[in-house]
PDB file of N, CA and C in Angstrom:
ATOM      1  N   MET A   1       0.848  -1.178   0.000  1.00  0.00           N
ATOM      2  CA  MET A   1       0.000   0.000   0.000  1.00  0.00           C
ATOM      3  C   MET A   1       0.892   1.239   0.000  1.00  0.00           C
ATOM      4  N   ALA A   2       0.572   2.180  -0.863  1.00  0.00           N
ATOM      5  CA  ALA A   2       1.364   3.399  -0.980  1.00  0.00           C
ATOM      6  C   ALA A   2       1.134   4.307   0.229  1.00  0.00           C
ATOM      7  N   GLU A   3       2.174   5.054   0.575  1.00  0.00           N
ATOM      8  CA  GLU A   3       2.072   5.992   1.687  1.00  0.00           C
ATOM      9  C   GLU A   3       1.478   7.310   1.205  1.00  0.00           C
ATOM     10  N   TYR A   4       0.813   7.999   2.121  1.00  0.00           N
ATOM     11  CA  TYR A   4       0.225   9.289   1.786  1.00  0.00           C
ATOM     12  C   TYR A   4       1.312  10.352   1.657  1.00  0.00           C
ATOM     13  N   THR A   5       1.074  11.289   0.748  1.00  0.00           N
ATOM     14  CA  THR A   5       1.926  12.470   0.647  1.00  0.00           C
ATOM     15  C   THR A   5       1.558  13.407   1.794  1.00  0.00           C
ATOM     16  N   SER A   6       2.293  14.497   1.939  1.00  0.00           N
ATOM     17  CA  SER A   6       1.929  15.451   2.995  1.00  0.00           C
ATOM     18  C   SER A   6       0.546  16.049   2.717  1.00  0.00           C
ATOM     19  N   PHE A   7       0.212  16.247   1.439  1.00  0.00           N
ATOM     20  CA  PHE A   7      -1.129  16.710   1.090  1.00  0.00           C
ATOM     21  C   PHE A   7      -2.162  15.656   1.493  1.00  0.00           C
ATOM     22  N   GLY A   8      -1.885  14.394   1.192  1.00  0.00           N
ATOM     23  CA  GLY A   8      -2.795  13.310   1.547  1.00  0.00           C
ATOM     24  C   GLY A   8      -3.017  13.210   3.044  1.00  0.00           C
ATOM     25  N   LEU A   9      -1.940  13.365   3.806  1.00  0.00           N
ATOM     26  CA  LEU A   9      -2.064  13.346   5.270  1.00  0.00           C
ATOM     27  C   LEU A   9      -2.893  14.519   5.777  1.00  0.00           C
ATOM     28  N   ALA A  10      -2.701  15.694   5.170  1.00  0.00           N
ATOM     29  CA  ALA A  10      -3.481  16.868   5.570  1.00  0.00           C
ATOM     30  C   ALA A  10      -4.964  16.649   5.290  1.00  0.00           C
ATOM     31  N   VAL A  11      -5.271  16.054   4.138  1.00  0.00           N
ATOM     32  CA  VAL A  11      -6.667  15.780   3.779  1.00  0.00           C
ATOM     33  C   VAL A  11      -7.266  14.773   4.758  1.00  0.00           C
ATOM     34  N   LYS A  12      -6.578  13.669   5.002  1.00  0.00           N
ATOM     35  CA  LYS A  12      -7.100  12.641   5.902  1.00  0.00           C
ATOM     36  C   LYS A  12      -7.295  13.190   7.314  1.00  0.00           C
ATOM     37  N   THR A  13      -6.356  14.005   7.785  1.00  0.00           N
ATOM     38  CA  THR A  13      -6.471  14.612   9.109  1.00  0.00           C
ATOM     39  C   THR A  13      -7.698  15.514   9.173  1.00  0.00           C
ATOM     40  N   LYS A  14      -7.886  16.315   8.130  1.00  0.00           N
ATOM     41  CA  LYS A  14      -9.032  17.228   8.088  1.00  0.00           C
ATOM     42  C   LYS A  14     -10.349  16.446   8.062  1.00  0.00           C
ATOM     43  N   LEU A  15     -10.378  15.321   7.342  1.00  0.00           N
ATOM     44  CA  LEU A  15     -11.595  14.511   7.275  1.00  0.00           C
ATOM     45  C   LEU A  15     -11.952  13.892   8.627  1.00  0.00           C
ATOM     46  N   LEU A  16     -10.937  13.624   9.446  1.00  0.00           N
ATOM     47  CA  LEU A  16     -11.203  13.020  10.754  1.00  0.00           C
ATOM     48  C   LEU A  16     -11.917  13.967  11.702  1.00  0.00           C
ATOM     49  N   GLY A  17     -11.880  15.257  11.369  1.00  0.00           N
ATOM     50  CA  GLY A  17     -12.741  16.180  12.068  1.00  0.00           C
ATOM     51  C   GLY A  17     -12.110  16.933  13.202  1.00  0.00           C
ATOM     52  N   PRO A  18     -12.924  17.543  14.012  1.00  0.00           N
ATOM     53  CA  PRO A  18     -14.375  17.565  13.868  1.00  0.00           C
ATOM     54  C   PRO A  18     -14.837  18.561  12.805  1.00  0.00           C
ATOM     55  N   PRO A  19     -15.940  18.425  12.164  1.00  0.00           N
ATOM     56  CA  PRO A  19     -16.804  17.244  12.203  1.00  0.00           C
ATOM     57  C   PRO A  19     -16.181  16.106  11.387  1.00  0.00           C
ATOM     58  N   SER A  20     -16.389  14.902  11.812  1.00  0.00           N
ATOM     59  CA  SER A  20     -15.844  13.732  11.131  1.00  0.00           C
ATOM     60  C   SER A  20     -16.582  13.514   9.815  1.00  0.00           C
ATOM     61  N   ARG A  21     -15.799  13.343   8.755  1.00  0.00           N
ATOM     62  CA  ARG A  21     -16.369  13.116   7.421  1.00  0.00           C
ATOM     63  C   ARG A  21     -15.635  11.956   6.774  1.00  0.00           C
ATOM     64  N   THR A  22     -16.268  11.360   5.775  1.00  0.00           N
ATOM     65  CA  THR A  22     -15.664  10.210   5.105  1.00  0.00           C
ATOM     66  C   THR A  22     -15.077  10.625   3.759  1.00  0.00           C
ATOM     67  N   GLN A  23     -14.264   9.734   3.221  1.00  0.00           N
ATOM     68  CA  GLN A  23     -13.719   9.975   1.886  1.00  0.00           C
ATOM     69  C   GLN A  23     -14.842   9.952   0.854  1.00  0.00           C
ATOM     70  N   ALA A  24     -15.887   9.151   1.086  1.00  0.00           N
ATOM     71  CA  ALA A  24     -17.048   9.118   0.188  1.00  0.00           C
ATOM     72  C   ALA A  24     -17.732  10.492   0.157  1.00  0.00           C
ATOM     73  N   TRP A  25     -17.827  11.137   1.309  1.00  0.00           N
ATOM     74  CA  TRP A  25     -18.376  12.497   1.368  1.00  0.00           C
ATOM     75  C   TRP A  25     -17.524  13.430   0.510  1.00  0.00           C
ATOM     76  N   LEU A  26     -16.199  13.300   0.615  1.00  0.00           N
ATOM     77  CA  LEU A  26     -15.300  14.143  -0.162  1.00  0.00           C
ATOM     78  C   LEU A  26     -15.477  13.905  -1.654  1.00  0.00           C
ATOM     79  N   VAL A  27     -15.637  12.656  -2.052  1.00  0.00           N
ATOM     80  CA  VAL A  27     -15.873  12.325  -3.465  1.00  0.00           C
ATOM     81  C   VAL A  27     -17.109  13.072  -3.967  1.00  0.00           C
ATOM     82  N   ASP A  28     -18.203  13.006  -3.218  1.00  0.00           N
ATOM     83  CA  ASP A  28     -19.440  13.692  -3.617  1.00  0.00           C
ATOM     84  C   ASP A  28     -19.235  15.200  -3.726  1.00  0.00           C
ATOM     85  N   GLU A  29     -18.510  15.774  -2.764  1.00  0.00           N
ATOM     86  CA  GLU A  29     -18.252  17.215  -2.777  1.00  0.00           C
ATOM     87  C   GLU A  29     -17.389  17.625  -3.974  1.00  0.00           C
ATOM     88  N   VAL A  30     -16.382  16.830  -4.293  1.00  0.00           N
ATOM     89  CA  VAL A  30     -15.507  17.135  -5.436  1.00  0.00           C
ATOM     90  C   VAL A  30     -16.297  17.038  -6.729  1.00  0.00           C
ATOM     91  N   ARG A  31     -17.132  16.016  -6.850  1.00  0.00           N
ATOM     92  CA  ARG A  31     -17.979  15.886  -8.047  1.00  0.00           C
ATOM     93  C   ARG A  31     -18.871  17.109  -8.215  1.00  0.00           C
ATOM     94  N   ALA A  32     -19.496  17.538  -7.122  1.00  0.00           N
ATOM     95  CA  ALA A  32     -20.399  18.692  -7.177  1.00  0.00           C
ATOM     96  C   ALA A  32     -19.636  19.973  -7.517  1.00  0.00           C
ATOM     97  N   ALA A  33     -18.435  20.127  -6.965  1.00  0.00           N
ATOM     98  CA  ALA A  33     -17.666  21.354  -7.165  1.00  0.00           C
ATOM     99  C   ALA A  33     -17.046  21.451  -8.557  1.00  0.00           C
ATOM    100  N   THR A  34     -16.664  20.307  -9.123  1.00  0.00           N
ATOM    101  CA  THR A  34     -15.923  20.341 -10.388  1.00  0.00           C
ATOM    102  C   THR A  34     -16.735  19.896 -11.596  1.00  0.00           C
ATOM    103  N   GLY A  35     -17.760  19.102 -11.370  1.00  0.00           N
ATOM    104  CA  GLY A  35     -18.501  18.520 -12.477  1.00  0.00           C
ATOM    105  C   GLY A  35     -17.753  17.358 -13.116  1.00  0.00           C
ATOM    106  N   LEU A  36     -16.632  16.972 -12.517  1.00  0.00           N
ATOM    107  CA  LEU A  36     -15.829  15.867 -13.031  1.00  0.00           C
ATOM    108  C   LEU A  36     -16.198  14.584 -12.313  1.00  0.00           C
ATOM    109  N   TYR A  37     -16.022  13.454 -13.005  1.00  0.00           N
ATOM    110  CA  TYR A  37     -16.254  12.170 -12.355  1.00  0.00           C
ATOM    111  C   TYR A  37     -15.005  11.775 -11.584  1.00  0.00           C
ATOM    112  N   VAL A  38     -15.155  11.568 -10.308  1.00  0.00           N
ATOM    113  CA  VAL A  38     -14.093  11.018  -9.474  1.00  0.00           C
ATOM    114  C   VAL A  38     -14.708   9.937  -8.608  1.00  0.00           C
ATOM    115  N   ASP A  39     -13.879   8.994  -8.176  1.00  0.00           N
ATOM    116  CA  ASP A  39     -14.347   7.975  -7.244  1.00  0.00           C
ATOM    117  C   ASP A  39     -13.310   7.821  -6.142  1.00  0.00           C
ATOM    118  N   GLY A  40     -13.598   6.975  -5.203  1.00  0.00           N
ATOM    119  CA  GLY A  40     -12.713   6.790  -4.055  1.00  0.00           C
ATOM    120  C   GLY A  40     -11.319   6.348  -4.453  1.00  0.00           C
ATOM    121  N   ALA A  41     -11.226   5.478  -5.449  1.00  0.00           N
ATOM    122  CA  ALA A  41      -9.922   4.989  -5.892  1.00  0.00           C
ATOM    123  C   ALA A  41      -9.089   6.123  -6.481  1.00  0.00           C
ATOM    124  N   TYR A  42      -9.729   6.992  -7.255  1.00  0.00           N
ATOM    125  CA  TYR A  42      -9.012   8.108  -7.872  1.00  0.00           C
ATOM    126  C   TYR A  42      -8.532   9.092  -6.799  1.00  0.00           C
ATOM    127  N   ILE A  43      -9.395   9.372  -5.823  1.00  0.00           N
ATOM    128  CA  ILE A  43      -9.000  10.252  -4.716  1.00  0.00           C
ATOM    129  C   ILE A  43      -7.822   9.638  -3.969  1.00  0.00           C
ATOM    130  N   SER A  44      -7.868   8.342  -3.719  1.00  0.00           N
ATOM    131  CA  SER A  44      -6.759   7.666  -3.024  1.00  0.00           C
ATOM    132  C   SER A  44      -5.457   7.810  -3.801  1.00  0.00           C
ATOM    133  N   LYS A  45      -5.517   7.692  -5.121  1.00  0.00           N
ATOM    134  CA  LYS A  45      -4.309   7.839  -5.942  1.00  0.00           C
ATOM    135  C   LYS A  45      -3.758   9.256  -5.869  1.00  0.00           C
ATOM    136  N   ILE A  46      -4.634  10.233  -5.778  1.00  0.00           N
ATOM    137  CA  ILE A  46      -4.181  11.621  -5.616  1.00  0.00           C
ATOM    138  C   ILE A  46      -3.517  11.796  -4.249  1.00  0.00           C
ATOM    139  N   LEU A  47      -4.120  11.223  -3.216  1.00  0.00           N
ATOM    140  CA  LEU A  47      -3.606  11.384  -1.851  1.00  0.00           C
ATOM    141  C   LEU A  47      -2.285  10.648  -1.625  1.00  0.00           C
ATOM    142  N   THR A  48      -2.001   9.647  -2.458  1.00  0.00           N
ATOM    143  CA  THR A  48      -0.742   8.910  -2.336  1.00  0.00           C
ATOM    144  C   THR A  48       0.286   9.338  -3.378  1.00  0.00           C
ATOM    145  N   GLY A  49      -0.061  10.336  -4.196  1.00  0.00           N
ATOM    146  CA  GLY A  49       0.886  10.854  -5.174  1.00  0.00           C
ATOM    147  C   GLY A  49       1.006  10.038  -6.441  1.00  0.00           C
ATOM    148  N   GLN A  50       0.116   9.070  -6.652  1.00  0.00           N
ATOM    149  CA  GLN A  50       0.161   8.253  -7.861  1.00  0.00           C
ATOM    150  C   GLN A  50      -0.464   8.966  -9.048  1.00  0.00           C
ATOM    151  N   ARG A  51      -1.285   9.974  -8.783  1.00  0.00           N
ATOM    152  CA  ARG A  51      -1.928  10.775  -9.828  1.00  0.00           C
ATOM    153  C   ARG A  51      -1.747  12.241  -9.504  1.00  0.00           C
ATOM    154  N   ASN A  52      -1.652  13.037 -10.566  1.00  0.00           N
ATOM    155  CA  ASN A  52      -1.558  14.484 -10.427  1.00  0.00           C
ATOM    156  C   ASN A  52      -2.781  15.081 -11.114  1.00  0.00           C
ATOM    157  N   ALA A  53      -3.651  15.688 -10.357  1.00  0.00           N
ATOM    158  CA  ALA A  53      -4.894  16.253 -10.883  1.00  0.00           C
ATOM    159  C   ALA A  53      -5.110  17.632 -10.257  1.00  0.00           C
ATOM    160  N   PRO A  54      -4.490  18.672 -10.840  1.00  0.00           N
ATOM    161  CA  PRO A  54      -4.549  20.012 -10.236  1.00  0.00           C
ATOM    162  C   PRO A  54      -5.957  20.533  -9.962  1.00  0.00           C
ATOM    163  N   LYS A  55      -6.905  20.298 -10.863  1.00  0.00           N
ATOM    164  CA  LYS A  55      -8.272  20.794 -10.646  1.00  0.00           C
ATOM    165  C   LYS A  55      -8.913  20.123  -9.437  1.00  0.00           C
ATOM    166  N   ILE A  56      -8.685  18.830  -9.289  1.00  0.00           N
ATOM    167  CA  ILE A  56      -9.274  18.106  -8.173  1.00  0.00           C
ATOM    168  C   ILE A  56      -8.580  18.484  -6.873  1.00  0.00           C
ATOM    169  N   VAL A  57      -7.258  18.623  -6.908  1.00  0.00           N
ATOM    170  CA  VAL A  57      -6.518  19.046  -5.715  1.00  0.00           C
ATOM    171  C   VAL A  57      -7.006  20.419  -5.259  1.00  0.00           C
ATOM    172  N   GLN A  58      -7.188  21.329  -6.204  1.00  0.00           N
ATOM    173  CA  GLN A  58      -7.665  22.662  -5.851  1.00  0.00           C
ATOM    174  C   GLN A  58      -9.068  22.596  -5.248  1.00  0.00           C
ATOM    175  N   ALA A  59      -9.925  21.765  -5.818  1.00  0.00           N
ATOM    176  CA  ALA A  59     -11.279  21.612  -5.273  1.00  0.00           C
ATOM    177  C   ALA A  59     -11.233  21.057  -3.850  1.00  0.00           C
ATOM    178  N   ILE A  60     -10.370  20.077  -3.615  1.00  0.00           N
ATOM    179  CA  ILE A  60     -10.235  19.506  -2.272  1.00  0.00           C
ATOM    180  C   ILE A  60      -9.761  20.574  -1.291  1.00  0.00           C
ATOM    181  N   ARG A  61      -8.789  21.373  -1.712  1.00  0.00           N
ATOM    182  CA  ARG A  61      -8.292  22.458  -0.853  1.00  0.00           C
ATOM    183  C   ARG A  61      -9.415  23.418  -0.474  1.00  0.00           C
ATOM    184  N   GLU A  62     -10.232  23.777  -1.460  1.00  0.00           N
ATOM    185  CA  GLU A  62     -11.334  24.711  -1.197  1.00  0.00           C
ATOM    186  C   GLU A  62     -12.402  24.077  -0.310  1.00  0.00           C
ATOM    187  N   ILE A  63     -12.758  22.838  -0.580  1.00  0.00           N
ATOM    188  CA  ILE A  63     -13.797  22.149   0.190  1.00  0.00           C
ATOM    189  C   ILE A  63     -13.385  22.008   1.651  1.00  0.00           C
ATOM    190  N   LEU A  64     -12.123  21.634   1.875  1.00  0.00           N
ATOM    191  CA  LEU A  64     -11.643  21.384   3.239  1.00  0.00           C
ATOM    192  C   LEU A  64     -10.960  22.589   3.862  1.00  0.00           C
ATOM    193  N   ASN A  65     -10.901  23.693   3.117  1.00  0.00           N
ATOM    194  CA  ASN A  65     -10.261  24.914   3.596  1.00  0.00           C
ATOM    195  C   ASN A  65      -8.807  24.650   4.004  1.00  0.00           C
ATOM    196  N   LEU A  66      -8.086  23.985   3.112  1.00  0.00           N
ATOM    197  CA  LEU A  66      -6.664  23.700   3.335  1.00  0.00           C
ATOM    198  C   LEU A  66      -5.824  24.789   2.682  1.00  0.00           C
ATOM    199  N   PRO A  67      -4.768  25.232   3.329  1.00  0.00           N
ATOM    200  CA  PRO A  67      -3.912  26.270   2.736  1.00  0.00           C
ATOM    201  C   PRO A  67      -3.129  25.739   1.542  1.00  0.00           C
ATOM    202  N   GLU A  68      -2.724  26.648   0.695  1.00  0.00           N
ATOM    203  CA  GLU A  68      -1.870  26.295  -0.445  1.00  0.00           C
ATOM    204  C   GLU A  68      -0.526  25.851   0.081  1.00  0.00           C
ATOM    205  N   GLN A  69       0.054  24.887  -0.588  1.00  0.00           N
ATOM    206  CA  GLN A  69       1.410  24.440  -0.244  1.00  0.00           C
ATOM    207  C   GLN A  69       2.012  23.843  -1.502  1.00  0.00           C
ATOM    208  N   GLU A  70       3.296  23.633  -1.484  1.00  0.00           N
ATOM    209  CA  GLU A  70       3.950  23.016  -2.621  1.00  0.00           C
ATOM    210  C   GLU A  70       3.473  21.582  -2.745  1.00  0.00           C
ATOM    211  N   GLN A  71       3.287  21.143  -3.995  1.00  0.00           N
ATOM    212  CA  GLN A  71       2.891  19.773  -4.242  1.00  0.00           C
ATOM    213  C   GLN A  71       4.043  18.831  -3.933  1.00  0.00           C
ATOM    214  N   ASP A  72       3.720  17.689  -3.405  1.00  0.00           N
ATOM    215  CA  ASP A  72       4.735  16.655  -3.197  1.00  0.00           C
ATOM    216  C   ASP A  72       5.098  16.076  -4.555  1.00  0.00           C
ATOM    217  N   SER A  73       6.322  15.705  -4.730  1.00  0.00           N
ATOM    218  CA  SER A  73       6.689  15.047  -5.963  1.00  0.00           C
ATOM    219  C   SER A  73       6.339  13.573  -5.840  1.00  0.00           C
ATOM    220  N   ALA A  74       5.843  13.030  -6.910  1.00  0.00           N
ATOM    221  CA  ALA A  74       5.393  11.627  -6.885  1.00  0.00           C
ATOM    222  C   ALA A  74       6.545  10.694  -7.151  1.00  0.00           C
TER     223      ALA A  74
END
């Protein structure tokens, strides 16, 4: 299993709350915000650095109110 990037860890920490939210909730929010199809597997690949998806990363930052930071290199 791949390890989370620092961005992935920040996302997972934020999801743990409070309020506690699931990755499935995040998938729904990203779909609504971007109009793009994403699923749990795709989000996991972004959080572990296996995929680079700037639009989705930006949407996640906005949804979870995460500050901008340098992207981890995959």
